[in-house]
């Protein structure tokens, strides 16, 4: 059974919230190449959802900050069916200065993009997302995961 772990990373900048997206590098899949998607990926056999998310974040973000942050925060996932596949959906909140230090892995992504939450469901943004990401965001909306997120007291620095 295929399972996927994805994370909604909210980036706070004063009174504005952004969603962290990756500009997908998928040369073998032209319909997905350069499209925006949430971070995360497939679970390996017998892998826990959080472990898969931490592994995927370590692959997608070169400084290791997001992987360490997710592991330390230990967020509880929402388990939902998206397009016939089980998804474990996590959410994390980071600050803009933490985002500024992130480095997208060049083999995985053309770079990270911040999408203002208030524009996330507009056609101009929706057309830039992968099909799966559009479905996942609808699932996040359905389970009310966009409600204000309480900032975790967990402190992790990229040099840990």
N, C-alpha and C. Protein backbone atom coordinates (compact mmCIF):
# COMPACT_ATOMS: atom_id res chain seq x y z
N UNK A 1 0.84 -1.18 0.00
CA UNK A 1 0.00 0.00 0.00
C UNK A 1 0.89 1.25 0.00
N UNK A 2 0.65 2.15 -0.91
CA UNK A 2 1.42 3.38 -1.02
C UNK A 2 0.89 4.40 -0.02
N UNK A 3 1.79 4.99 0.74
CA UNK A 3 1.45 6.06 1.68
C UNK A 3 2.41 7.22 1.45
N UNK A 4 1.92 8.41 1.71
CA UNK A 4 2.70 9.62 1.47
C UNK A 4 2.64 10.50 2.71
N UNK A 5 3.78 11.11 3.06
CA UNK A 5 3.85 12.08 4.15
C UNK A 5 4.19 13.44 3.54
N UNK A 6 3.36 14.42 3.80
CA UNK A 6 3.59 15.79 3.31
C UNK A 6 3.45 16.76 4.46
N UNK A 7 4.07 17.92 4.32
CA UNK A 7 4.02 18.91 5.39
C UNK A 7 3.60 20.27 4.83
N UNK A 8 2.72 20.91 5.57
CA UNK A 8 2.34 22.28 5.31
C UNK A 8 3.23 23.13 6.22
N UNK A 9 4.20 23.81 5.63
CA UNK A 9 5.09 24.67 6.41
C UNK A 9 4.58 26.09 6.28
N UNK A 10 4.10 26.63 7.40
CA UNK A 10 3.64 28.01 7.45
C UNK A 10 4.83 28.87 7.84
N UNK A 11 5.09 29.89 7.05
CA UNK A 11 6.18 30.82 7.32
C UNK A 11 5.55 32.13 7.77
N UNK A 12 5.84 32.49 9.02
CA UNK A 12 5.29 33.72 9.58
C UNK A 12 6.26 34.87 9.38
N UNK A 13 5.72 35.98 8.90
CA UNK A 13 6.51 37.20 8.71
C UNK A 13 5.66 38.36 9.21
N UNK A 14 5.90 38.76 10.45
CA UNK A 14 5.10 39.76 11.14
C UNK A 14 3.65 39.28 11.15
N UNK A 15 2.74 39.98 10.52
CA UNK A 15 1.32 39.58 10.54
C UNK A 15 0.90 38.85 9.28
N UNK A 16 1.85 38.38 8.49
CA UNK A 16 1.53 37.70 7.24
C UNK A 16 1.95 36.24 7.33
N UNK A 17 1.14 35.37 6.74
CA UNK A 17 1.47 33.95 6.69
C UNK A 17 1.67 33.52 5.25
N UNK A 18 2.73 32.77 5.04
CA UNK A 18 3.05 32.23 3.73
C UNK A 18 3.11 30.71 3.84
N UNK A 19 2.93 30.03 2.72
CA UNK A 19 3.08 28.59 2.66
C UNK A 19 4.36 28.31 1.87
N UNK A 20 5.23 27.49 2.44
CA UNK A 20 6.48 27.10 1.79
C UNK A 20 6.20 26.05 0.72
N UNK A 21 6.63 26.31 -0.48
CA UNK A 21 6.48 25.38 -1.60
C UNK A 21 7.84 25.15 -2.25
N UNK A 22 7.96 24.02 -2.90
CA UNK A 22 9.16 23.69 -3.65
C UNK A 22 8.81 23.71 -5.14
N UNK A 23 9.67 24.33 -5.93
CA UNK A 23 9.50 24.31 -7.38
C UNK A 23 10.13 23.00 -7.88
N UNK A 24 9.27 22.04 -8.19
CA UNK A 24 9.68 20.67 -8.45
C UNK A 24 10.62 20.54 -9.65
N UNK A 25 11.68 19.75 -9.45
CA UNK A 25 12.59 19.40 -10.54
C UNK A 25 12.24 17.97 -10.94
N UNK A 26 11.57 17.83 -12.10
CA UNK A 26 11.13 16.51 -12.56
C UNK A 26 11.28 16.41 -14.08
N UNK A 27 12.52 16.36 -14.57
CA UNK A 27 12.74 16.36 -16.02
C UNK A 27 12.08 15.18 -16.74
N UNK A 28 11.89 14.06 -16.03
CA UNK A 28 11.25 12.90 -16.66
C UNK A 28 9.73 12.99 -16.65
N UNK A 29 9.20 13.99 -15.96
CA UNK A 29 7.76 14.19 -15.88
C UNK A 29 7.44 15.65 -16.23
N UNK A 30 7.41 15.98 -17.52
CA UNK A 30 7.25 17.38 -17.93
C UNK A 30 6.01 18.06 -17.35
N UNK A 31 4.95 17.29 -17.10
CA UNK A 31 3.73 17.90 -16.55
C UNK A 31 3.91 18.36 -15.10
N UNK A 32 4.95 17.85 -14.43
CA UNK A 32 5.23 18.23 -13.04
C UNK A 32 6.43 19.16 -12.92
N UNK A 33 7.28 19.20 -13.94
CA UNK A 33 8.52 19.98 -13.88
C UNK A 33 8.21 21.47 -13.66
N UNK A 34 8.85 22.04 -12.65
CA UNK A 34 8.73 23.45 -12.26
C UNK A 34 7.39 23.78 -11.60
N UNK A 35 6.54 22.79 -11.37
CA UNK A 35 5.30 23.03 -10.65
C UNK A 35 5.61 23.13 -9.16
N UNK A 36 4.75 23.80 -8.43
CA UNK A 36 4.94 23.95 -7.00
C UNK A 36 4.30 22.79 -6.26
N UNK A 37 4.99 22.36 -5.18
CA UNK A 37 4.44 21.28 -4.37
C UNK A 37 4.87 21.46 -2.92
N UNK A 38 4.14 20.78 -2.04
CA UNK A 38 4.52 20.73 -0.63
C UNK A 38 5.70 19.78 -0.47
N UNK A 39 6.46 19.96 0.59
CA UNK A 39 7.59 19.08 0.85
C UNK A 39 7.10 17.76 1.43
N UNK A 40 7.85 16.70 1.16
CA UNK A 40 7.52 15.37 1.66
C UNK A 40 7.59 14.36 0.55
N UNK A 41 7.15 13.12 0.84
CA UNK A 41 7.20 12.08 -0.17
C UNK A 41 6.69 10.75 0.34
N UNK A 42 7.04 9.69 -0.36
CA UNK A 42 6.54 8.34 -0.09
C UNK A 42 7.18 7.73 1.15
N UNK A 43 6.39 6.95 1.87
CA UNK A 43 6.90 6.15 2.99
C UNK A 43 7.53 4.89 2.44
N UNK A 44 8.66 4.51 3.00
CA UNK A 44 9.29 3.24 2.68
C UNK A 44 8.56 2.13 3.44
N UNK A 45 8.78 0.89 3.07
CA UNK A 45 8.17 -0.25 3.75
C UNK A 45 8.47 -0.19 5.25
N UNK A 46 7.44 -0.33 6.08
CA UNK A 46 7.54 -0.34 7.54
C UNK A 46 8.08 0.96 8.14
N UNK A 47 8.04 2.05 7.41
CA UNK A 47 8.51 3.33 7.92
C UNK A 47 7.34 4.09 8.55
N UNK A 48 7.60 4.71 9.70
CA UNK A 48 6.58 5.55 10.32
C UNK A 48 6.46 6.85 9.53
N UNK A 49 5.28 7.45 9.58
CA UNK A 49 5.02 8.66 8.81
C UNK A 49 5.99 9.80 9.17
N UNK A 50 6.20 10.03 10.46
CA UNK A 50 7.11 11.11 10.85
C UNK A 50 8.54 10.82 10.40
N UNK A 51 8.97 9.56 10.50
CA UNK A 51 10.32 9.20 10.04
C UNK A 51 10.46 9.45 8.54
N UNK A 52 9.42 9.13 7.78
CA UNK A 52 9.45 9.38 6.34
C UNK A 52 9.53 10.87 6.05
N UNK A 53 8.75 11.66 6.79
CA UNK A 53 8.78 13.10 6.59
C UNK A 53 10.16 13.66 6.89
N UNK A 54 10.75 13.25 8.01
CA UNK A 54 12.09 13.73 8.38
C UNK A 54 13.10 13.35 7.30
N UNK A 55 13.03 12.12 6.81
CA UNK A 55 13.95 11.66 5.75
C UNK A 55 13.76 12.50 4.49
N UNK A 56 12.52 12.71 4.09
CA UNK A 56 12.24 13.49 2.88
C UNK A 56 12.70 14.94 3.04
N UNK A 57 12.47 15.52 4.21
CA UNK A 57 12.92 16.90 4.44
C UNK A 57 14.44 17.00 4.37
N UNK A 58 15.13 15.98 4.88
CA UNK A 58 16.60 15.97 4.80
C UNK A 58 17.07 15.89 3.35
N UNK A 59 16.31 15.20 2.50
CA UNK A 59 16.66 15.10 1.08
C UNK A 59 16.36 16.39 0.33
N UNK A 60 15.30 17.09 0.71
CA UNK A 60 14.83 18.24 -0.05
C UNK A 60 15.41 19.57 0.39
N UNK A 61 15.90 19.64 1.66
CA UNK A 61 16.40 20.90 2.20
C UNK A 61 17.80 20.66 2.73
N UNK A 62 18.79 21.32 2.13
CA UNK A 62 20.20 20.99 2.34
C UNK A 62 20.79 21.34 3.70
N UNK A 63 20.26 22.32 4.41
CA UNK A 63 20.86 22.68 5.70
C UNK A 63 20.49 21.70 6.80
N UNK A 64 19.43 20.93 6.61
CA UNK A 64 18.97 19.99 7.63
C UNK A 64 18.06 20.62 8.67
N UNK A 65 17.85 21.93 8.58
CA UNK A 65 17.03 22.62 9.58
C UNK A 65 15.61 22.04 9.64
N UNK A 66 14.94 21.92 8.51
CA UNK A 66 13.55 21.46 8.54
C UNK A 66 13.42 20.03 9.07
N UNK A 67 14.34 19.16 8.70
CA UNK A 67 14.29 17.78 9.18
C UNK A 67 14.46 17.75 10.69
N UNK A 68 15.44 18.49 11.20
CA UNK A 68 15.68 18.53 12.65
C UNK A 68 14.50 19.16 13.38
N UNK A 69 13.94 20.19 12.80
CA UNK A 69 12.80 20.87 13.41
C UNK A 69 11.60 19.93 13.48
N UNK A 70 11.32 19.24 12.39
CA UNK A 70 10.18 18.31 12.37
C UNK A 70 10.37 17.20 13.39
N UNK A 71 11.58 16.66 13.46
CA UNK A 71 11.86 15.57 14.41
C UNK A 71 11.68 16.06 15.85
N UNK A 72 12.21 17.24 16.15
CA UNK A 72 12.11 17.78 17.50
C UNK A 72 10.67 18.17 17.86
N UNK A 73 9.94 18.73 16.92
CA UNK A 73 8.57 19.17 17.17
C UNK A 73 7.62 17.98 17.32
N UNK A 74 7.93 16.87 16.63
CA UNK A 74 7.13 15.65 16.71
C UNK A 74 5.64 15.92 16.51
N UNK A 75 5.27 16.59 15.40
CA UNK A 75 3.86 16.93 15.19
C UNK A 75 3.02 15.69 14.90
N UNK A 76 1.77 15.73 15.32
CA UNK A 76 0.85 14.63 15.03
C UNK A 76 0.28 14.84 13.63
N UNK A 77 0.27 13.79 12.81
CA UNK A 77 -0.26 13.95 11.46
C UNK A 77 -1.77 13.80 11.40
N UNK A 78 -2.34 14.36 10.36
CA UNK A 78 -3.71 14.08 9.98
C UNK A 78 -3.64 12.96 8.95
N UNK A 79 -4.40 11.91 9.12
CA UNK A 79 -4.41 10.82 8.15
C UNK A 79 -5.66 10.97 7.29
N UNK A 80 -5.43 11.20 5.99
CA UNK A 80 -6.55 11.42 5.07
C UNK A 80 -6.31 10.67 3.76
N UNK A 81 -7.39 10.38 3.08
CA UNK A 81 -7.32 9.78 1.76
C UNK A 81 -7.34 10.91 0.74
N UNK A 82 -6.34 10.95 -0.12
CA UNK A 82 -6.28 11.94 -1.19
C UNK A 82 -6.10 11.19 -2.49
N UNK A 83 -7.07 11.29 -3.36
CA UNK A 83 -7.01 10.64 -4.68
C UNK A 83 -6.72 9.15 -4.56
N UNK A 84 -7.33 8.49 -3.56
CA UNK A 84 -7.17 7.05 -3.41
C UNK A 84 -5.89 6.59 -2.74
N UNK A 85 -5.10 7.52 -2.22
CA UNK A 85 -3.83 7.20 -1.56
C UNK A 85 -3.85 7.74 -0.13
N UNK A 86 -3.35 6.96 0.80
CA UNK A 86 -3.28 7.41 2.19
C UNK A 86 -2.17 8.44 2.33
N UNK A 87 -2.55 9.58 2.89
CA UNK A 87 -1.60 10.67 3.13
C UNK A 87 -1.56 10.97 4.62
N UNK A 88 -0.35 11.17 5.12
CA UNK A 88 -0.15 11.66 6.47
C UNK A 88 0.27 13.11 6.32
N UNK A 89 -0.59 14.02 6.76
CA UNK A 89 -0.37 15.44 6.56
C UNK A 89 0.05 16.08 7.87
N UNK A 90 1.19 16.74 7.83
CA UNK A 90 1.75 17.42 8.99
C UNK A 90 1.69 18.92 8.75
N UNK A 91 1.83 19.67 9.82
CA UNK A 91 1.98 21.12 9.67
C UNK A 91 3.02 21.61 10.67
N UNK A 92 3.83 22.54 10.22
CA UNK A 92 4.88 23.17 11.04
C UNK A 92 4.83 24.67 10.80
N UNK A 93 5.31 25.42 11.75
CA UNK A 93 5.41 26.87 11.61
C UNK A 93 6.85 27.28 11.84
N UNK A 94 7.39 28.07 10.92
CA UNK A 94 8.72 28.65 11.10
C UNK A 94 8.62 30.15 10.88
N UNK A 95 9.65 30.85 11.26
CA UNK A 95 9.68 32.29 11.07
C UNK A 95 10.40 32.63 9.76
N UNK A 96 10.16 33.81 9.25
CA UNK A 96 10.73 34.23 7.97
C UNK A 96 12.26 34.19 8.00
N UNK A 97 12.88 34.59 9.11
CA UNK A 97 14.34 34.56 9.16
C UNK A 97 14.86 33.12 9.10
N UNK A 98 14.09 32.15 9.59
CA UNK A 98 14.49 30.74 9.46
C UNK A 98 14.34 30.30 8.00
N UNK A 99 13.27 30.72 7.35
CA UNK A 99 13.10 30.42 5.93
C UNK A 99 14.26 30.97 5.11
N UNK A 100 14.70 32.17 5.44
CA UNK A 100 15.78 32.82 4.67
C UNK A 100 17.07 32.01 4.68
N UNK A 101 17.26 31.16 5.67
CA UNK A 101 18.47 30.34 5.77
C UNK A 101 18.34 28.97 5.10
N UNK A 102 17.13 28.61 4.65
CA UNK A 102 16.93 27.31 4.03
C UNK A 102 17.56 27.28 2.64
N UNK A 103 18.04 26.09 2.26
CA UNK A 103 18.61 25.90 0.93
C UNK A 103 17.97 24.67 0.31
N UNK A 104 17.31 24.86 -0.80
CA UNK A 104 16.69 23.74 -1.51
C UNK A 104 17.77 22.89 -2.16
N UNK A 105 17.61 21.57 -2.07
CA UNK A 105 18.55 20.66 -2.74
C UNK A 105 18.35 20.80 -4.24
N UNK A 106 19.42 21.10 -4.97
CA UNK A 106 19.33 21.37 -6.40
C UNK A 106 18.89 20.17 -7.23
N UNK A 107 19.08 18.96 -6.72
CA UNK A 107 18.62 17.77 -7.45
C UNK A 107 17.13 17.56 -7.30
N UNK A 108 16.54 18.11 -6.25
CA UNK A 108 15.12 17.92 -5.95
C UNK A 108 14.25 19.08 -6.43
N UNK A 109 14.84 20.28 -6.49
CA UNK A 109 14.02 21.48 -6.63
C UNK A 109 14.76 22.59 -7.37
N UNK A 110 13.98 23.45 -8.00
CA UNK A 110 14.54 24.67 -8.58
C UNK A 110 14.62 25.77 -7.52
N UNK A 111 14.10 25.50 -6.34
CA UNK A 111 14.15 26.46 -5.24
C UNK A 111 12.84 26.49 -4.48
N UNK A 112 12.89 27.12 -3.31
CA UNK A 112 11.70 27.26 -2.49
C UNK A 112 11.00 28.56 -2.83
N UNK A 113 9.69 28.53 -2.74
CA UNK A 113 8.87 29.71 -3.00
C UNK A 113 7.92 29.91 -1.83
N UNK A 114 7.66 31.16 -1.51
CA UNK A 114 6.66 31.48 -0.50
C UNK A 114 5.39 31.93 -1.21
N UNK A 115 4.29 31.29 -0.90
CA UNK A 115 3.00 31.64 -1.48
C UNK A 115 2.16 32.26 -0.36
N UNK A 116 1.72 33.50 -0.53
CA UNK A 116 0.88 34.11 0.50
C UNK A 116 -0.38 33.26 0.71
N UNK A 117 -0.66 32.94 1.98
CA UNK A 117 -1.82 32.10 2.25
C UNK A 117 -3.09 32.69 1.62
N UNK A 118 -3.25 33.99 1.67
CA UNK A 118 -4.49 34.60 1.16
C UNK A 118 -4.67 34.38 -0.34
N UNK A 119 -3.60 34.02 -1.05
CA UNK A 119 -3.70 33.78 -2.50
C UNK A 119 -3.65 32.30 -2.87
N UNK A 120 -3.51 31.44 -1.88
CA UNK A 120 -3.26 30.03 -2.12
C UNK A 120 -4.32 29.34 -2.98
N UNK A 121 -5.57 29.75 -2.84
CA UNK A 121 -6.65 29.07 -3.56
C UNK A 121 -7.13 29.85 -4.79
N UNK A 122 -6.36 30.86 -5.19
CA UNK A 122 -6.68 31.60 -6.41
C UNK A 122 -6.20 30.81 -7.62
N UNK A 123 -6.89 30.97 -8.74
CA UNK A 123 -6.56 30.23 -9.96
C UNK A 123 -5.11 30.40 -10.39
N UNK A 124 -4.58 31.60 -10.28
CA UNK A 124 -3.21 31.85 -10.72
C UNK A 124 -2.21 30.97 -9.96
N UNK A 125 -2.44 30.74 -8.68
CA UNK A 125 -1.57 29.87 -7.89
C UNK A 125 -1.93 28.41 -8.13
N UNK A 126 -3.20 28.09 -8.12
CA UNK A 126 -3.64 26.71 -8.29
C UNK A 126 -3.11 26.11 -9.60
N UNK A 127 -3.02 26.92 -10.64
CA UNK A 127 -2.52 26.44 -11.93
C UNK A 127 -1.02 26.16 -11.92
N UNK A 128 -0.30 26.66 -10.91
CA UNK A 128 1.15 26.43 -10.78
C UNK A 128 1.47 25.23 -9.91
N UNK A 129 0.45 24.62 -9.29
CA UNK A 129 0.64 23.50 -8.38
C UNK A 129 0.55 22.17 -9.12
N UNK A 130 1.22 21.14 -8.57
CA UNK A 130 1.01 19.81 -9.11
C UNK A 130 -0.42 19.39 -8.77
N UNK A 131 -0.93 18.45 -9.54
CA UNK A 131 -2.29 17.96 -9.31
C UNK A 131 -2.43 17.41 -7.89
N UNK A 132 -1.46 16.63 -7.44
CA UNK A 132 -1.50 16.06 -6.09
C UNK A 132 -1.51 17.17 -5.03
N UNK A 133 -0.70 18.20 -5.23
CA UNK A 133 -0.64 19.29 -4.25
C UNK A 133 -1.98 20.01 -4.16
N UNK A 134 -2.65 20.22 -5.29
CA UNK A 134 -3.98 20.83 -5.25
C UNK A 134 -4.93 19.98 -4.40
N UNK A 135 -4.89 18.67 -4.60
CA UNK A 135 -5.76 17.77 -3.84
C UNK A 135 -5.39 17.77 -2.35
N UNK A 136 -4.11 17.80 -2.03
CA UNK A 136 -3.66 17.81 -0.63
C UNK A 136 -4.10 19.10 0.05
N UNK A 137 -3.97 20.22 -0.62
CA UNK A 137 -4.38 21.50 -0.02
C UNK A 137 -5.89 21.51 0.24
N UNK A 138 -6.66 20.91 -0.64
CA UNK A 138 -8.11 20.80 -0.39
C UNK A 138 -8.36 19.94 0.84
N UNK A 139 -7.58 18.88 1.01
CA UNK A 139 -7.72 18.02 2.19
C UNK A 139 -7.35 18.80 3.45
N UNK A 140 -6.27 19.57 3.40
CA UNK A 140 -5.89 20.40 4.54
C UNK A 140 -7.03 21.36 4.90
N UNK A 141 -7.63 21.94 3.88
CA UNK A 141 -8.73 22.87 4.11
C UNK A 141 -9.92 22.13 4.73
N UNK A 142 -10.22 20.95 4.24
CA UNK A 142 -11.35 20.15 4.72
C UNK A 142 -11.18 19.77 6.19
N UNK A 143 -9.97 19.48 6.62
CA UNK A 143 -9.74 19.07 8.01
C UNK A 143 -9.40 20.27 8.90
N UNK A 144 -9.56 21.47 8.35
CA UNK A 144 -9.39 22.70 9.12
C UNK A 144 -7.95 22.92 9.58
N UNK A 145 -7.00 22.44 8.84
CA UNK A 145 -5.59 22.57 9.22
C UNK A 145 -5.04 23.97 8.99
N UNK A 146 -5.84 24.85 8.40
CA UNK A 146 -5.37 26.21 8.17
C UNK A 146 -5.71 27.14 9.32
N UNK A 147 -6.32 26.61 10.37
CA UNK A 147 -6.60 27.42 11.55
C UNK A 147 -5.26 27.91 12.11
N UNK A 148 -5.30 29.03 12.84
CA UNK A 148 -4.03 29.53 13.39
C UNK A 148 -3.26 28.44 14.10
N UNK A 149 -1.97 28.42 13.84
CA UNK A 149 -1.10 27.41 14.39
C UNK A 149 -0.35 28.00 15.57
N UNK A 150 -0.39 27.33 16.70
CA UNK A 150 0.34 27.80 17.87
C UNK A 150 1.81 27.51 17.65
N UNK A 151 2.62 28.52 17.80
CA UNK A 151 4.05 28.36 17.59
C UNK A 151 4.62 27.41 18.63
N UNK A 152 5.33 26.42 18.17
CA UNK A 152 5.97 25.45 19.05
C UNK A 152 7.09 26.13 19.83
N UNK A 153 7.31 25.66 21.04
CA UNK A 153 8.41 26.21 21.84
C UNK A 153 9.73 25.54 21.50
N UNK A 154 9.68 24.58 20.58
CA UNK A 154 10.90 23.86 20.20
C UNK A 154 11.84 24.81 19.47
N UNK A 155 13.08 24.84 19.87
CA UNK A 155 14.07 25.68 19.21
C UNK A 155 15.15 24.77 18.61
N UNK A 156 15.34 24.87 17.32
CA UNK A 156 16.36 24.08 16.64
C UNK A 156 17.12 25.03 15.73
N UNK A 157 18.42 24.94 15.71
CA UNK A 157 19.19 25.79 14.82
C UNK A 157 19.82 24.92 13.73
N UNK A 158 20.00 25.47 12.53
CA UNK A 158 20.56 24.70 11.43
C UNK A 158 21.94 24.10 11.73
N UNK A 159 22.65 24.62 12.70
CA UNK A 159 23.98 24.10 12.97
C UNK A 159 23.98 22.96 13.98
N UNK A 160 22.80 22.61 14.53
CA UNK A 160 22.73 21.47 15.48
C UNK A 160 23.18 20.19 14.85
